[in-house]
């Protein structure tokens, strides 16, 4: 069965679709190998580092003490040229410490909107440690590169049920991402545990990003999110 990640990318390019993340499944950073050899391992140690072992690059270690934000970590990986990295279901400004699911990452095959299959390594959000769920509405959850600038993403609905510590104002957020610039567009009061839907004009309204930009939808808590399999964040959107 195709993953929701794959279905979202393929179907959005047509009309519209639903993307969904659950506990520990948001992809904070997606990696693809661009070296000339083979990949031995990609391993995350929570609050410490991410280590990549390849035949051509040897052992590359990126400590979270040196690269304190998701954006700084991605930039460092890209600068080394062994892997290509991109931020997905997170913000560049978020801290790397206590952010990612720990352990060895198993590679998977990602089918992008152009029908190209790419082997990727997904660094996932440890939702109970990072205290948030996020989903990036984007034309390119893979590595299509130049196509993205000619498209616009549109958010139609947010639905979530998350067992959080304390419901609070501005804990459901929508951010527009223009390259490395992150700007919050909307903020709502969160609701604990109960399935909650946010849309506009009885489902007829939409929030569109500027051409080539992404929208990141976040549900967060200040101090606690339960590690339960009933949590989810579901996004309905489309691409023009």
C-alpha atoms as a PDB file:
ATOM      1  CA  UNK A   1       0.000   0.000   0.000  1.00  0.00           C
ATOM      2  CA  UNK A   2       1.311   3.479  -0.852  1.00  0.00           C
ATOM      3  CA  UNK A   3       2.083   5.712   2.093  1.00  0.00           C
ATOM      4  CA  UNK A   4       0.051   8.831   2.863  1.00  0.00           C
ATOM      5  CA  UNK A   5       3.222  10.783   2.129  1.00  0.00           C
ATOM      6  CA  UNK A   6       3.300   9.378  -1.405  1.00  0.00           C
ATOM      7  CA  UNK A   7      -0.434   9.715  -1.975  1.00  0.00           C
ATOM      8  CA  UNK A   8      -0.360  13.357  -0.924  1.00  0.00           C
ATOM      9  CA  UNK A   9       2.362  14.257  -3.402  1.00  0.00           C
ATOM     10  CA  UNK A  10       0.858  12.419  -6.353  1.00  0.00           C
ATOM     11  CA  UNK A  11      -2.757  13.432  -5.809  1.00  0.00           C
ATOM     12  CA  UNK A  12      -2.197  17.071  -4.907  1.00  0.00           C
ATOM     13  CA  UNK A  13      -0.716  17.616  -8.345  1.00  0.00           C
ATOM     14  CA  UNK A  14      -4.082  16.615  -9.801  1.00  0.00           C
ATOM     15  CA  UNK A  15      -6.813  18.235  -7.663  1.00  0.00           C
ATOM     16  CA  UNK A  16      -6.425  17.836  -3.940  1.00  0.00           C
ATOM     17  CA  UNK A  17      -5.817  15.299  -1.248  1.00  0.00           C
ATOM     18  CA  UNK A  18      -5.272  14.581   2.400  1.00  0.00           C
ATOM     19  CA  UNK A  19      -1.928  14.307   4.183  1.00  0.00           C
ATOM     20  CA  UNK A  20      -1.815  12.814   7.665  1.00  0.00           C
ATOM     21  CA  UNK A  21       0.829  12.334  10.344  1.00  0.00           C
ATOM     22  CA  UNK A  22       0.550  10.359  13.573  1.00  0.00           C
ATOM     23  CA  UNK A  23       2.697   9.889  16.663  1.00  0.00           C
ATOM     24  CA  UNK A  24       6.412   9.937  15.741  1.00  0.00           C
ATOM     25  CA  UNK A  25       5.718  10.014  11.975  1.00  0.00           C
ATOM     26  CA  UNK A  26       6.226  13.668  10.900  1.00  0.00           C
ATOM     27  CA  UNK A  27       9.380  13.826   8.745  1.00  0.00           C
ATOM     28  CA  UNK A  28      11.527  16.618  10.163  1.00  0.00           C
ATOM     29  CA  UNK A  29      14.333  16.116   7.620  1.00  0.00           C
ATOM     30  CA  UNK A  30      14.332  14.065   4.424  1.00  0.00           C
ATOM     31  CA  UNK A  31      17.696  12.877   3.111  1.00  0.00           C
ATOM     32  CA  UNK A  32      18.834  11.409  -0.176  1.00  0.00           C
ATOM     33  CA  UNK A  33      22.299  10.110  -0.938  1.00  0.00           C
ATOM     34  CA  UNK A  34      24.133  12.017  -3.688  1.00  0.00           C
ATOM     35  CA  UNK A  35      27.573  10.460  -3.200  1.00  0.00           C
ATOM     36  CA  UNK A  36      29.268   8.004  -5.533  1.00  0.00           C
ATOM     37  CA  UNK A  37      29.478   4.943  -3.289  1.00  0.00           C
ATOM     38  CA  UNK A  38      27.114   3.210  -0.888  1.00  0.00           C
ATOM     39  CA  UNK A  39      25.381   4.041   2.384  1.00  0.00           C
ATOM     40  CA  UNK A  40      26.240   1.899   5.399  1.00  0.00           C
ATOM     41  CA  UNK A  41      24.045   3.595   8.003  1.00  0.00           C
ATOM     42  CA  UNK A  42      22.271   6.743   9.133  1.00  0.00           C
ATOM     43  CA  UNK A  43      21.757   6.854  12.906  1.00  0.00           C
ATOM     44  CA  UNK A  44      20.222   9.388  15.268  1.00  0.00           C
ATOM     45  CA  UNK A  45      21.080   9.589  18.967  1.00  0.00           C
ATOM     46  CA  UNK A  46      18.553  11.798  20.731  1.00  0.00           C
ATOM     47  CA  UNK A  47      20.016  15.022  22.134  1.00  0.00           C
ATOM     48  CA  UNK A  48      23.473  14.059  20.822  1.00  0.00           C
ATOM     49  CA  UNK A  49      24.019  13.714  17.068  1.00  0.00           C
ATOM     50  CA  UNK A  50      23.217  12.205  13.699  1.00  0.00           C
ATOM     51  CA  UNK A  51      25.926   9.997  12.183  1.00  0.00           C
ATOM     52  CA  UNK A  52      26.128   9.017   8.507  1.00  0.00           C
ATOM     53  CA  UNK A  53      28.500   6.264   7.375  1.00  0.00           C
ATOM     54  CA  UNK A  54      29.168   5.900   3.633  1.00  0.00           C
ATOM     55  CA  UNK A  55      31.845   4.309   1.472  1.00  0.00           C
ATOM     56  CA  UNK A  56      32.930   7.620  -0.058  1.00  0.00           C
ATOM     57  CA  UNK A  57      32.411  10.030   2.828  1.00  0.00           C
ATOM     58  CA  UNK A  58      33.493   7.789   5.668  1.00  0.00           C
ATOM     59  CA  UNK A  59      31.871   8.739   8.969  1.00  0.00           C
ATOM     60  CA  UNK A  60      30.187  12.147   9.083  1.00  0.00           C
ATOM     61  CA  UNK A  61      29.019  13.214  12.533  1.00  0.00           C
ATOM     62  CA  UNK A  62      26.764  16.217  13.087  1.00  0.00           C
ATOM     63  CA  UNK A  63      26.372  17.099  16.748  1.00  0.00           C
ATOM     64  CA  UNK A  64      23.298  18.916  17.979  1.00  0.00           C
ATOM     65  CA  UNK A  65      25.553  21.042  20.179  1.00  0.00           C
ATOM     66  CA  UNK A  66      27.245  22.406  17.050  1.00  0.00           C
ATOM     67  CA  UNK A  67      24.097  22.539  14.877  1.00  0.00           C
ATOM     68  CA  UNK A  68      21.474  23.711  17.315  1.00  0.00           C
ATOM     69  CA  UNK A  69      18.586  24.247  14.888  1.00  0.00           C
ATOM     70  CA  UNK A  70      16.997  22.107  12.198  1.00  0.00           C
ATOM     71  CA  UNK A  71      17.997  24.676   9.584  1.00  0.00           C
ATOM     72  CA  UNK A  72      21.642  24.770  10.678  1.00  0.00           C
ATOM     73  CA  UNK A  73      21.805  20.957  10.597  1.00  0.00           C
ATOM     74  CA  UNK A  74      20.312  20.767   7.098  1.00  0.00           C
ATOM     75  CA  UNK A  75      22.673  23.450   5.808  1.00  0.00           C
ATOM     76  CA  UNK A  76      25.704  21.613   7.229  1.00  0.00           C
ATOM     77  CA  UNK A  77      24.671  18.308   5.640  1.00  0.00           C
ATOM     78  CA  UNK A  78      24.123  19.979   2.265  1.00  0.00           C
ATOM     79  CA  UNK A  79      27.467  21.780   2.464  1.00  0.00           C
ATOM     80  CA  UNK A  80      29.304  18.449   2.801  1.00  0.00           C
ATOM     81  CA  UNK A  81      27.756  17.105  -0.410  1.00  0.00           C
ATOM     82  CA  UNK A  82      27.373  13.452   0.600  1.00  0.00           C
ATOM     83  CA  UNK A  83      23.642  13.699   1.290  1.00  0.00           C
ATOM     84  CA  UNK A  84      21.063  16.209   0.152  1.00  0.00           C
ATOM     85  CA  UNK A  85      18.816  17.289   3.031  1.00  0.00           C
ATOM     86  CA  UNK A  86      15.567  19.239   3.188  1.00  0.00           C
ATOM     87  CA  UNK A  87      13.287  20.375   5.988  1.00  0.00           C
ATOM     88  CA  UNK A  88       9.791  18.905   5.783  1.00  0.00           C
ATOM     89  CA  UNK A  89       7.383  18.591   8.716  1.00  0.00           C
ATOM     90  CA  UNK A  90       9.214  21.038  10.953  1.00  0.00           C
ATOM     91  CA  UNK A  91      10.591  24.588  11.017  1.00  0.00           C
ATOM     92  CA  UNK A  92      14.199  25.582  10.393  1.00  0.00           C
ATOM     93  CA  UNK A  93      14.131  27.577  13.619  1.00  0.00           C
ATOM     94  CA  UNK A  94      13.289  24.573  15.820  1.00  0.00           C
ATOM     95  CA  UNK A  95      15.978  23.134  18.080  1.00  0.00           C
ATOM     96  CA  UNK A  96      17.683  19.837  17.192  1.00  0.00           C
ATOM     97  CA  UNK A  97      18.109  18.617  20.777  1.00  0.00           C
ATOM     98  CA  UNK A  98      15.315  16.216  21.862  1.00  0.00           C
ATOM     99  CA  UNK A  99      13.744  16.640  18.439  1.00  0.00           C
ATOM    100  CA  UNK A 100      14.206  13.389  16.500  1.00  0.00           C
ATOM    101  CA  UNK A 101      13.298   9.730  16.886  1.00  0.00           C
ATOM    102  CA  UNK A 102      16.431   7.919  18.067  1.00  0.00           C
ATOM    103  CA  UNK A 103      17.989   4.887  16.384  1.00  0.00           C
ATOM    104  CA  UNK A 104      19.119   3.643  12.976  1.00  0.00           C
ATOM    105  CA  UNK A 105      17.037   4.931  10.055  1.00  0.00           C
ATOM    106  CA  UNK A 106      15.877   2.393   7.475  1.00  0.00           C
ATOM    107  CA  UNK A 107      15.864   3.725   3.923  1.00  0.00           C
ATOM    108  CA  UNK A 108      12.565   3.798   2.045  1.00  0.00           C
ATOM    109  CA  UNK A 109      11.499   4.404  -1.534  1.00  0.00           C
ATOM    110  CA  UNK A 110       9.676   7.675  -2.150  1.00  0.00           C
ATOM    111  CA  UNK A 111       7.625   8.144  -5.330  1.00  0.00           C
ATOM    112  CA  UNK A 112       7.414  11.822  -6.239  1.00  0.00           C
ATOM    113  CA  UNK A 113       4.847  13.647  -8.358  1.00  0.00           C
ATOM    114  CA  UNK A 114       6.841  13.055 -11.538  1.00  0.00           C
ATOM    115  CA  UNK A 115       6.724   9.290 -11.016  1.00  0.00           C
ATOM    116  CA  UNK A 116      10.394   9.074 -10.022  1.00  0.00           C
ATOM    117  CA  UNK A 117      11.305   6.676  -7.223  1.00  0.00           C
ATOM    118  CA  UNK A 118      14.029   7.948  -4.894  1.00  0.00           C
ATOM    119  CA  UNK A 119      15.668   6.180  -1.957  1.00  0.00           C
ATOM    120  CA  UNK A 120      15.368   8.413   1.100  1.00  0.00           C
ATOM    121  CA  UNK A 121      16.250   8.387   4.792  1.00  0.00           C
ATOM    122  CA  UNK A 122      13.606  10.135   6.919  1.00  0.00           C
ATOM    123  CA  UNK A 123      14.642  11.771  10.190  1.00  0.00           C
ATOM    124  CA  UNK A 124      11.335  11.747  12.064  1.00  0.00           C
ATOM    125  CA  UNK A 125       9.985  13.951  14.844  1.00  0.00           C
ATOM    126  CA  UNK A 126       9.781  12.394  18.300  1.00  0.00           C
ATOM    127  CA  UNK A 127       6.422  14.039  18.976  1.00  0.00           C
ATOM    128  CA  UNK A 128       6.318  13.378  22.734  1.00  0.00           C
ATOM    129  CA  UNK A 129       9.819  14.879  23.175  1.00  0.00           C
ATOM    130  CA  UNK A 130       9.541  17.759  20.688  1.00  0.00           C
ATOM    131  CA  UNK A 131       5.978  18.617  21.842  1.00  0.00           C
ATOM    132  CA  UNK A 132       4.494  19.160  18.388  1.00  0.00           C
ATOM    133  CA  UNK A 133       2.913  17.632  15.303  1.00  0.00           C
ATOM    134  CA  UNK A 134       3.523  19.258  11.929  1.00  0.00           C
ATOM    135  CA  UNK A 135       2.754  18.692   8.267  1.00  0.00           C
ATOM    136  CA  UNK A 136       4.239  20.574   5.309  1.00  0.00           C
ATOM    137  CA  UNK A 137       1.885  21.307   2.439  1.00  0.00           C
ATOM    138  CA  UNK A 138       4.243  21.533  -0.533  1.00  0.00           C
ATOM    139  CA  UNK A 139       4.499  20.648  -4.184  1.00  0.00           C
ATOM    140  CA  UNK A 140       7.759  18.872  -3.514  1.00  0.00           C
ATOM    141  CA  UNK A 141       8.081  16.427  -0.607  1.00  0.00           C
ATOM    142  CA  UNK A 142      10.794  14.778  -2.652  1.00  0.00           C
ATOM    143  CA  UNK A 143      13.578  16.280  -4.730  1.00  0.00           C
ATOM    144  CA  UNK A 144      11.924  17.656  -7.871  1.00  0.00           C
ATOM    145  CA  UNK A 145      13.825  20.936  -7.522  1.00  0.00           C
ATOM    146  CA  UNK A 146      12.918  23.433 -10.294  1.00  0.00           C
ATOM    147  CA  UNK A 147       9.243  22.511 -10.732  1.00  0.00           C
ATOM    148  CA  UNK A 148       8.148  23.914  -7.387  1.00  0.00           C
ATOM    149  CA  UNK A 149       8.471  27.629  -8.201  1.00  0.00           C
ATOM    150  CA  UNK A 150       5.692  27.404 -10.796  1.00  0.00           C
ATOM    151  CA  UNK A 151       3.063  26.087  -8.371  1.00  0.00           C
ATOM    152  CA  UNK A 152       1.032  27.357  -5.437  1.00  0.00           C
ATOM    153  CA  UNK A 153      -0.186  25.320  -2.454  1.00  0.00           C
ATOM    154  CA  UNK A 154      -3.600  25.928  -0.915  1.00  0.00           C
ATOM    155  CA  UNK A 155      -4.777  24.891   2.561  1.00  0.00           C
ATOM    156  CA  UNK A 156      -8.450  23.966   2.814  1.00  0.00           C
ATOM    157  CA  UNK A 157      -8.819  22.257   6.201  1.00  0.00           C
ATOM    158  CA  UNK A 158      -6.994  21.262   9.388  1.00  0.00           C
ATOM    159  CA  UNK A 159      -8.229  18.344  11.489  1.00  0.00           C
ATOM    160  CA  UNK A 160      -6.495  16.933  14.550  1.00  0.00           C
ATOM    161  CA  UNK A 161      -6.952  14.919  17.728  1.00  0.00           C
ATOM    162  CA  UNK A 162      -3.903  15.150  19.987  1.00  0.00           C
ATOM    163  CA  UNK A 163      -3.571  14.266  23.654  1.00  0.00           C
ATOM    164  CA  UNK A 164      -1.677  17.308  24.903  1.00  0.00           C
ATOM    165  CA  UNK A 165      -0.697  18.683  28.265  1.00  0.00           C
ATOM    166  CA  UNK A 166      -2.517  22.015  28.209  1.00  0.00           C
ATOM    167  CA  UNK A 167      -4.719  23.554  25.533  1.00  0.00           C
ATOM    168  CA  UNK A 168      -3.546  27.099  24.898  1.00  0.00           C
ATOM    169  CA  UNK A 169      -3.940  30.091  22.620  1.00  0.00           C
ATOM    170  CA  UNK A 170      -1.795  30.177  19.479  1.00  0.00           C
ATOM    171  CA  UNK A 171      -0.961  26.473  19.760  1.00  0.00           C
ATOM    172  CA  UNK A 172      -2.414  25.612  16.350  1.00  0.00           C
ATOM    173  CA  UNK A 173      -0.379  27.552  13.813  1.00  0.00           C
ATOM    174  CA  UNK A 174       0.008  28.002  10.066  1.00  0.00           C
ATOM    175  CA  UNK A 175       3.382  29.173   8.746  1.00  0.00           C
ATOM    176  CA  UNK A 176       4.315  30.240   5.234  1.00  0.00           C
ATOM    177  CA  UNK A 177       7.822  29.249   4.159  1.00  0.00           C
ATOM    178  CA  UNK A 178       9.673  31.270   1.519  1.00  0.00           C
ATOM    179  CA  UNK A 179      13.058  29.586   1.178  1.00  0.00           C
ATOM    180  CA  UNK A 180      14.640  30.033   4.603  1.00  0.00           C
ATOM    181  CA  UNK A 181      12.161  32.723   5.740  1.00  0.00           C
ATOM    182  CA  UNK A 182       9.411  31.449   8.057  1.00  0.00           C
ATOM    183  CA  UNK A 183       6.371  33.680   8.714  1.00  0.00           C
ATOM    184  CA  UNK A 184       3.414  32.782  10.899  1.00  0.00           C
ATOM    185  CA  UNK A 185       0.107  33.474   9.157  1.00  0.00           C
ATOM    186  CA  UNK A 186      -2.539  32.100  11.546  1.00  0.00           C
ATOM    187  CA  UNK A 187      -2.839  31.043  15.183  1.00  0.00           C
ATOM    188  CA  UNK A 188      -5.688  29.328  17.042  1.00  0.00           C
ATOM    189  CA  UNK A 189      -6.565  28.025  20.481  1.00  0.00           C
ATOM    190  CA  UNK A 190      -5.767  24.306  20.676  1.00  0.00           C
ATOM    191  CA  UNK A 191      -8.198  21.650  21.936  1.00  0.00           C
ATOM    192  CA  UNK A 192      -7.002  18.715  24.021  1.00  0.00           C
ATOM    193  CA  UNK A 193      -7.708  15.161  22.738  1.00  0.00           C
ATOM    194  CA  UNK A 194     -11.071  15.922  21.090  1.00  0.00           C
ATOM    195  CA  UNK A 195     -11.179  15.663  17.293  1.00  0.00           C
ATOM    196  CA  UNK A 196     -11.207  19.258  16.070  1.00  0.00           C
ATOM    197  CA  UNK A 197     -11.700  20.703  12.578  1.00  0.00           C
ATOM    198  CA  UNK A 198     -10.628  24.146  11.379  1.00  0.00           C
ATOM    199  CA  UNK A 199     -11.774  25.471   8.020  1.00  0.00           C
ATOM    200  CA  UNK A 200     -13.111  28.725   6.622  1.00  0.00           C
ATOM    201  CA  UNK A 201     -16.487  29.821   5.241  1.00  0.00           C
ATOM    202  CA  UNK A 202     -18.040  26.413   5.985  1.00  0.00           C
ATOM    203  CA  UNK A 203     -15.312  24.667   4.035  1.00  0.00           C
ATOM    204  CA  UNK A 204     -15.506  26.955   1.013  1.00  0.00           C
ATOM    205  CA  UNK A 205     -12.674  29.255   2.079  1.00  0.00           C
ATOM    206  CA  UNK A 206      -8.990  28.613   1.398  1.00  0.00           C
ATOM    207  CA  UNK A 207      -5.579  29.897   2.475  1.00  0.00           C
ATOM    208  CA  UNK A 208      -3.114  30.144  -0.420  1.00  0.00           C
ATOM    209  CA  UNK A 209       0.637  30.552  -0.157  1.00  0.00           C
ATOM    210  CA  UNK A 210       2.550  32.673  -2.654  1.00  0.00           C
ATOM    211  CA  UNK A 211       3.882  30.876  -5.734  1.00  0.00           C
ATOM    212  CA  UNK A 212       6.734  28.523  -4.868  1.00  0.00           C
ATOM    213  CA  UNK A 213       6.185  28.772  -1.095  1.00  0.00           C
ATOM    214  CA  UNK A 214       5.143  26.066   1.379  1.00  0.00           C
ATOM    215  CA  UNK A 215       2.674  26.032   4.255  1.00  0.00           C
ATOM    216  CA  UNK A 216       3.576  24.263   7.514  1.00  0.00           C
ATOM    217  CA  UNK A 217       0.687  23.423   9.839  1.00  0.00           C
ATOM    218  CA  UNK A 218       1.628  22.886  13.505  1.00  0.00           C
ATOM    219  CA  UNK A 219      -0.172  21.709  16.620  1.00  0.00           C
ATOM    220  CA  UNK A 220       2.073  22.148  19.656  1.00  0.00           C
ATOM    221  CA  UNK A 221       2.197  22.143  23.436  1.00  0.00           C
ATOM    222  CA  UNK A 222       4.477  23.989  25.827  1.00  0.00           C
ATOM    223  CA  UNK A 223       5.544  20.977  27.884  1.00  0.00           C
ATOM    224  CA  UNK A 224       3.788  17.661  27.118  1.00  0.00           C
ATOM    225  CA  UNK A 225       2.278  15.524  24.363  1.00  0.00           C
ATOM    226  CA  UNK A 226       1.185  11.982  25.128  1.00  0.00           C
ATOM    227  CA  UNK A 227       2.948   9.173  23.254  1.00  0.00           C
ATOM    228  CA  UNK A 228      -0.250   7.433  22.086  1.00  0.00           C
ATOM    229  CA  UNK A 229      -1.248   5.949  18.738  1.00  0.00           C
ATOM    230  CA  UNK A 230      -4.585   7.807  18.649  1.00  0.00           C
ATOM    231  CA  UNK A 231      -2.896  11.152  17.973  1.00  0.00           C
ATOM    232  CA  UNK A 232      -3.133  12.535  14.442  1.00  0.00           C
ATOM    233  CA  UNK A 233      -2.911  15.707  12.375  1.00  0.00           C
ATOM    234  CA  UNK A 234      -4.729  15.636   9.040  1.00  0.00           C
ATOM    235  CA  UNK A 235      -4.404  18.300   6.366  1.00  0.00           C
ATOM    236  CA  UNK A 236      -6.583  18.844   3.294  1.00  0.00           C
ATOM    237  CA  UNK A 237      -5.091  20.925   0.524  1.00  0.00           C
ATOM    238  CA  UNK A 238      -4.348  21.229  -3.165  1.00  0.00           C
ATOM    239  CA  UNK A 239      -1.888  22.643  -5.692  1.00  0.00           C
ATOM    240  CA  UNK A 240      -2.500  25.076  -8.525  1.00  0.00           C
END
